[in-house]
């Protein structure tokens, strides 16, 4: 039984993979950190994120429109290396608590908050220390891209991106 559950978790992840890699920023084996588009930025609102800048880089739907892949990045504008490992969520019990499941999107039209999707094994479909794009140490002047996968209604045209430790990035257009 456990083996079949593990296989079904892999199957769900494999089905979602084409959507996760729909953005060229997500198709690379390591996070793309250069030539990212900017759809909005936010400064720190907490001492833990001091010297860092959050940026929304892409919000793209899959072909059927039911999945939304958001690429976001963190830039270290300070003078010392920073460990970026705190955007964990506590709302849902993801299997791996070290994923960046605290990153959410909201719809100002609906007033609803959307949390990252969870696969059948309970893993967050988002960046974190179990994904290939895991990078928690950010050097001065470095920008690192991350991603999160959401299910939002097809009639939503833009979202507000909320990353713990930063102001809200409002009005991120969905393509």
C-alpha atoms as a PDB file:
ATOM      1  CA  UNK A   1       0.000   0.000   0.000  1.00  0.00           C
ATOM      2  CA  UNK A   2       2.782   2.427   0.947  1.00  0.00           C
ATOM      3  CA  UNK A   3       4.591   1.687  -2.334  1.00  0.00           C
ATOM      4  CA  UNK A   4       1.454   2.477  -4.372  1.00  0.00           C
ATOM      5  CA  UNK A   5       1.003   5.753  -2.483  1.00  0.00           C
ATOM      6  CA  UNK A   6       4.619   6.638  -3.203  1.00  0.00           C
ATOM      7  CA  UNK A   7       4.114   5.806  -6.891  1.00  0.00           C
ATOM      8  CA  UNK A   8       0.941   7.908  -7.023  1.00  0.00           C
ATOM      9  CA  UNK A   9       2.853  10.832  -5.499  1.00  0.00           C
ATOM     10  CA  UNK A  10       5.470  10.519  -8.201  1.00  0.00           C
ATOM     11  CA  UNK A  11       2.744  10.290 -10.847  1.00  0.00           C
ATOM     12  CA  UNK A  12       1.109  13.515  -9.606  1.00  0.00           C
ATOM     13  CA  UNK A  13       4.455  15.282  -9.613  1.00  0.00           C
ATOM     14  CA  UNK A  14       5.209  14.038 -13.143  1.00  0.00           C
ATOM     15  CA  UNK A  15       1.807  15.272 -14.344  1.00  0.00           C
ATOM     16  CA  UNK A  16       2.418  18.691 -12.789  1.00  0.00           C
ATOM     17  CA  UNK A  17       6.007  18.970 -14.059  1.00  0.00           C
ATOM     18  CA  UNK A  18       5.087  20.323 -17.518  1.00  0.00           C
ATOM     19  CA  UNK A  19       3.144  23.094 -15.805  1.00  0.00           C
ATOM     20  CA  UNK A  20       5.898  23.841 -13.339  1.00  0.00           C
ATOM     21  CA  UNK A  21       8.361  24.161 -16.208  1.00  0.00           C
ATOM     22  CA  UNK A  22       6.040  26.242 -18.403  1.00  0.00           C
ATOM     23  CA  UNK A  23       8.111  29.323 -17.550  1.00  0.00           C
ATOM     24  CA  UNK A  24      11.606  29.475 -18.978  1.00  0.00           C
ATOM     25  CA  UNK A  25      12.679  30.568 -15.495  1.00  0.00           C
ATOM     26  CA  UNK A  26      11.475  27.224 -14.181  1.00  0.00           C
ATOM     27  CA  UNK A  27      12.703  24.981 -17.005  1.00  0.00           C
ATOM     28  CA  UNK A  28      16.340  25.101 -15.914  1.00  0.00           C
ATOM     29  CA  UNK A  29      17.800  22.545 -13.485  1.00  0.00           C
ATOM     30  CA  UNK A  30      18.972  25.381 -11.222  1.00  0.00           C
ATOM     31  CA  UNK A  31      17.208  28.672 -10.562  1.00  0.00           C
ATOM     32  CA  UNK A  32      17.551  31.191 -13.350  1.00  0.00           C
ATOM     33  CA  UNK A  33      18.883  34.371 -11.825  1.00  0.00           C
ATOM     34  CA  UNK A  34      19.606  36.596 -14.819  1.00  0.00           C
ATOM     35  CA  UNK A  35      17.310  38.414 -17.242  1.00  0.00           C
ATOM     36  CA  UNK A  36      14.209  37.944 -15.114  1.00  0.00           C
ATOM     37  CA  UNK A  37      11.240  40.168 -15.880  1.00  0.00           C
ATOM     38  CA  UNK A  38      10.007  42.377 -13.080  1.00  0.00           C
ATOM     39  CA  UNK A  39       6.281  42.497 -12.366  1.00  0.00           C
ATOM     40  CA  UNK A  40       6.738  44.314  -9.070  1.00  0.00           C
ATOM     41  CA  UNK A  41       9.036  44.530  -6.073  1.00  0.00           C
ATOM     42  CA  UNK A  42       8.684  44.750  -2.319  1.00  0.00           C
ATOM     43  CA  UNK A  43      10.993  45.781   0.461  1.00  0.00           C
ATOM     44  CA  UNK A  44      11.544  44.219   3.824  1.00  0.00           C
ATOM     45  CA  UNK A  45       8.920  44.608   6.548  1.00  0.00           C
ATOM     46  CA  UNK A  46      10.763  42.558   9.170  1.00  0.00           C
ATOM     47  CA  UNK A  47      14.269  42.556  10.635  1.00  0.00           C
ATOM     48  CA  UNK A  48      14.818  39.018   9.319  1.00  0.00           C
ATOM     49  CA  UNK A  49      14.582  40.272   5.720  1.00  0.00           C
ATOM     50  CA  UNK A  50      16.574  43.458   6.198  1.00  0.00           C
ATOM     51  CA  UNK A  51      18.755  44.176   3.151  1.00  0.00           C
ATOM     52  CA  UNK A  52      16.668  41.933   0.888  1.00  0.00           C
ATOM     53  CA  UNK A  53      14.303  42.803  -1.955  1.00  0.00           C
ATOM     54  CA  UNK A  54      11.499  40.507  -3.120  1.00  0.00           C
ATOM     55  CA  UNK A  55      10.404  40.563  -6.743  1.00  0.00           C
ATOM     56  CA  UNK A  56       7.606  38.944  -8.759  1.00  0.00           C
ATOM     57  CA  UNK A  57       9.023  37.718 -12.072  1.00  0.00           C
ATOM     58  CA  UNK A  58       6.260  35.705 -13.767  1.00  0.00           C
ATOM     59  CA  UNK A  59       2.726  34.445 -13.168  1.00  0.00           C
ATOM     60  CA  UNK A  60       1.787  31.961 -15.864  1.00  0.00           C
ATOM     61  CA  UNK A  61      -1.183  29.646 -16.285  1.00  0.00           C
ATOM     62  CA  UNK A  62      -1.038  26.191 -17.824  1.00  0.00           C
ATOM     63  CA  UNK A  63      -2.982  25.588 -21.059  1.00  0.00           C
ATOM     64  CA  UNK A  64      -6.209  24.597 -19.306  1.00  0.00           C
ATOM     65  CA  UNK A  65      -5.912  27.612 -16.999  1.00  0.00           C
ATOM     66  CA  UNK A  66      -6.382  25.770 -13.714  1.00  0.00           C
ATOM     67  CA  UNK A  67      -2.767  25.909 -12.499  1.00  0.00           C
ATOM     68  CA  UNK A  68      -0.765  29.062 -11.865  1.00  0.00           C
ATOM     69  CA  UNK A  69       3.029  28.977 -11.675  1.00  0.00           C
ATOM     70  CA  UNK A  70       4.546  32.028  -9.990  1.00  0.00           C
ATOM     71  CA  UNK A  71       8.261  32.749 -10.296  1.00  0.00           C
ATOM     72  CA  UNK A  72       9.601  35.108  -7.645  1.00  0.00           C
ATOM     73  CA  UNK A  73      13.069  36.099  -6.548  1.00  0.00           C
ATOM     74  CA  UNK A  74      14.998  37.455  -3.609  1.00  0.00           C
ATOM     75  CA  UNK A  75      17.899  39.855  -4.085  1.00  0.00           C
ATOM     76  CA  UNK A  76      20.488  40.565  -1.435  1.00  0.00           C
ATOM     77  CA  UNK A  77      21.181  44.301  -1.605  1.00  0.00           C
ATOM     78  CA  UNK A  78      23.168  44.179   1.632  1.00  0.00           C
ATOM     79  CA  UNK A  79      26.881  43.735   2.219  1.00  0.00           C
ATOM     80  CA  UNK A  80      26.871  40.320   3.920  1.00  0.00           C
ATOM     81  CA  UNK A  81      25.701  36.847   2.956  1.00  0.00           C
ATOM     82  CA  UNK A  82      22.156  36.055   4.093  1.00  0.00           C
ATOM     83  CA  UNK A  83      20.505  32.738   4.857  1.00  0.00           C
ATOM     84  CA  UNK A  84      17.023  32.784   3.296  1.00  0.00           C
ATOM     85  CA  UNK A  85      15.217  29.897   4.974  1.00  0.00           C
ATOM     86  CA  UNK A  86      12.168  31.267   6.751  1.00  0.00           C
ATOM     87  CA  UNK A  87       9.181  31.532   4.351  1.00  0.00           C
ATOM     88  CA  UNK A  88       7.620  28.358   5.742  1.00  0.00           C
ATOM     89  CA  UNK A  89       3.878  28.156   6.085  1.00  0.00           C
ATOM     90  CA  UNK A  90       2.012  26.999   9.160  1.00  0.00           C
ATOM     91  CA  UNK A  91      -1.518  26.953   7.752  1.00  0.00           C
ATOM     92  CA  UNK A  92      -1.324  23.478   6.188  1.00  0.00           C
ATOM     93  CA  UNK A  93       0.676  20.445   7.267  1.00  0.00           C
ATOM     94  CA  UNK A  94       2.957  19.893   4.294  1.00  0.00           C
ATOM     95  CA  UNK A  95       5.056  16.718   4.507  1.00  0.00           C
ATOM     96  CA  UNK A  96       8.285  18.705   4.416  1.00  0.00           C
ATOM     97  CA  UNK A  97       8.049  21.771   6.627  1.00  0.00           C
ATOM     98  CA  UNK A  98      11.196  23.195   4.987  1.00  0.00           C
ATOM     99  CA  UNK A  99       9.429  24.151   1.774  1.00  0.00           C
ATOM    100  CA  UNK A 100       8.595  27.771   1.058  1.00  0.00           C
ATOM    101  CA  UNK A 101       4.904  27.073   1.584  1.00  0.00           C
ATOM    102  CA  UNK A 102       4.372  30.392   3.385  1.00  0.00           C
ATOM    103  CA  UNK A 103       4.413  32.209   0.033  1.00  0.00           C
ATOM    104  CA  UNK A 104       0.799  32.855  -0.973  1.00  0.00           C
ATOM    105  CA  UNK A 105      -1.227  34.777  -3.532  1.00  0.00           C
ATOM    106  CA  UNK A 106      -4.455  36.643  -2.966  1.00  0.00           C
ATOM    107  CA  UNK A 107      -7.126  37.913  -5.276  1.00  0.00           C
ATOM    108  CA  UNK A 108      -8.247  41.423  -4.452  1.00  0.00           C
ATOM    109  CA  UNK A 109     -11.418  40.796  -6.520  1.00  0.00           C
ATOM    110  CA  UNK A 110     -12.428  37.806  -4.409  1.00  0.00           C
ATOM    111  CA  UNK A 111     -10.605  38.606  -1.191  1.00  0.00           C
ATOM    112  CA  UNK A 112      -9.328  35.003  -1.067  1.00  0.00           C
ATOM    113  CA  UNK A 113      -5.857  33.732  -0.192  1.00  0.00           C
ATOM    114  CA  UNK A 114      -4.399  30.799  -2.118  1.00  0.00           C
ATOM    115  CA  UNK A 115      -1.710  28.549  -0.646  1.00  0.00           C
ATOM    116  CA  UNK A 116       0.715  26.459  -2.739  1.00  0.00           C
ATOM    117  CA  UNK A 117      -0.589  23.138  -3.993  1.00  0.00           C
ATOM    118  CA  UNK A 118       0.261  19.906  -2.230  1.00  0.00           C
ATOM    119  CA  UNK A 119       0.989  16.629  -4.032  1.00  0.00           C
ATOM    120  CA  UNK A 120      -0.418  13.252  -2.946  1.00  0.00           C
ATOM    121  CA  UNK A 121       2.569  12.729  -0.625  1.00  0.00           C
ATOM    122  CA  UNK A 122       1.880  16.018   1.149  1.00  0.00           C
ATOM    123  CA  UNK A 123       4.835  17.866  -0.397  1.00  0.00           C
ATOM    124  CA  UNK A 124       4.477  21.497  -1.369  1.00  0.00           C
ATOM    125  CA  UNK A 125       4.645  22.198  -5.097  1.00  0.00           C
ATOM    126  CA  UNK A 126       7.029  25.061  -4.429  1.00  0.00           C
ATOM    127  CA  UNK A 127      10.673  25.843  -3.842  1.00  0.00           C
ATOM    128  CA  UNK A 128      12.324  24.643  -0.686  1.00  0.00           C
ATOM    129  CA  UNK A 129      15.188  22.532   0.553  1.00  0.00           C
ATOM    130  CA  UNK A 130      13.949  19.337  -1.133  1.00  0.00           C
ATOM    131  CA  UNK A 131      13.712  20.815  -4.627  1.00  0.00           C
ATOM    132  CA  UNK A 132      16.405  21.086  -7.272  1.00  0.00           C
ATOM    133  CA  UNK A 133      16.281  24.858  -7.039  1.00  0.00           C
ATOM    134  CA  UNK A 134      17.137  24.906  -3.367  1.00  0.00           C
ATOM    135  CA  UNK A 135      19.445  27.782  -2.526  1.00  0.00           C
ATOM    136  CA  UNK A 136      19.149  29.282   0.902  1.00  0.00           C
ATOM    137  CA  UNK A 137      22.383  31.289   1.051  1.00  0.00           C
ATOM    138  CA  UNK A 138      22.325  34.513  -0.960  1.00  0.00           C
ATOM    139  CA  UNK A 139      25.549  36.449  -1.435  1.00  0.00           C
ATOM    140  CA  UNK A 140      25.689  40.280  -1.533  1.00  0.00           C
ATOM    141  CA  UNK A 141      24.432  41.494  -4.912  1.00  0.00           C
ATOM    142  CA  UNK A 142      23.030  38.062  -5.814  1.00  0.00           C
ATOM    143  CA  UNK A 143      19.449  37.404  -6.920  1.00  0.00           C
ATOM    144  CA  UNK A 144      17.929  33.923  -6.634  1.00  0.00           C
ATOM    145  CA  UNK A 145      14.690  32.799  -8.286  1.00  0.00           C
ATOM    146  CA  UNK A 146      12.155  30.493  -6.649  1.00  0.00           C
ATOM    147  CA  UNK A 147       8.679  29.229  -7.668  1.00  0.00           C
ATOM    148  CA  UNK A 148       5.292  28.336  -6.260  1.00  0.00           C
ATOM    149  CA  UNK A 149       2.333  26.503  -7.845  1.00  0.00           C
ATOM    150  CA  UNK A 150      -1.269  27.504  -7.105  1.00  0.00           C
ATOM    151  CA  UNK A 151      -4.782  26.616  -8.208  1.00  0.00           C
ATOM    152  CA  UNK A 152      -6.758  29.809  -8.747  1.00  0.00           C
ATOM    153  CA  UNK A 153     -10.001  30.396 -10.652  1.00  0.00           C
ATOM    154  CA  UNK A 154      -9.594  31.020 -14.379  1.00  0.00           C
ATOM    155  CA  UNK A 155     -11.361  34.403 -14.226  1.00  0.00           C
ATOM    156  CA  UNK A 156      -8.649  35.987 -12.051  1.00  0.00           C
ATOM    157  CA  UNK A 157      -6.357  38.231 -14.133  1.00  0.00           C
ATOM    158  CA  UNK A 158      -3.943  39.375 -11.432  1.00  0.00           C
ATOM    159  CA  UNK A 159      -2.852  38.412  -7.942  1.00  0.00           C
ATOM    160  CA  UNK A 160      -1.075  39.980  -4.996  1.00  0.00           C
ATOM    161  CA  UNK A 161       2.060  38.042  -4.030  1.00  0.00           C
ATOM    162  CA  UNK A 162       2.808  37.679  -0.321  1.00  0.00           C
ATOM    163  CA  UNK A 163       6.253  36.505   0.769  1.00  0.00           C
ATOM    164  CA  UNK A 164       6.834  36.339   4.541  1.00  0.00           C
ATOM    165  CA  UNK A 165       9.135  39.151   5.673  1.00  0.00           C
ATOM    166  CA  UNK A 166       8.231  41.492   2.802  1.00  0.00           C
ATOM    167  CA  UNK A 167       5.552  43.977   1.867  1.00  0.00           C
ATOM    168  CA  UNK A 168       2.868  42.669  -0.511  1.00  0.00           C
ATOM    169  CA  UNK A 169       3.629  42.832  -4.241  1.00  0.00           C
ATOM    170  CA  UNK A 170       0.294  44.040  -5.565  1.00  0.00           C
ATOM    171  CA  UNK A 171      -1.276  43.628  -8.997  1.00  0.00           C
ATOM    172  CA  UNK A 172       0.933  40.888 -10.487  1.00  0.00           C
ATOM    173  CA  UNK A 173      -0.577  40.226 -13.942  1.00  0.00           C
ATOM    174  CA  UNK A 174      -1.266  36.625 -14.951  1.00  0.00           C
ATOM    175  CA  UNK A 175      -0.276  35.593 -18.467  1.00  0.00           C
END
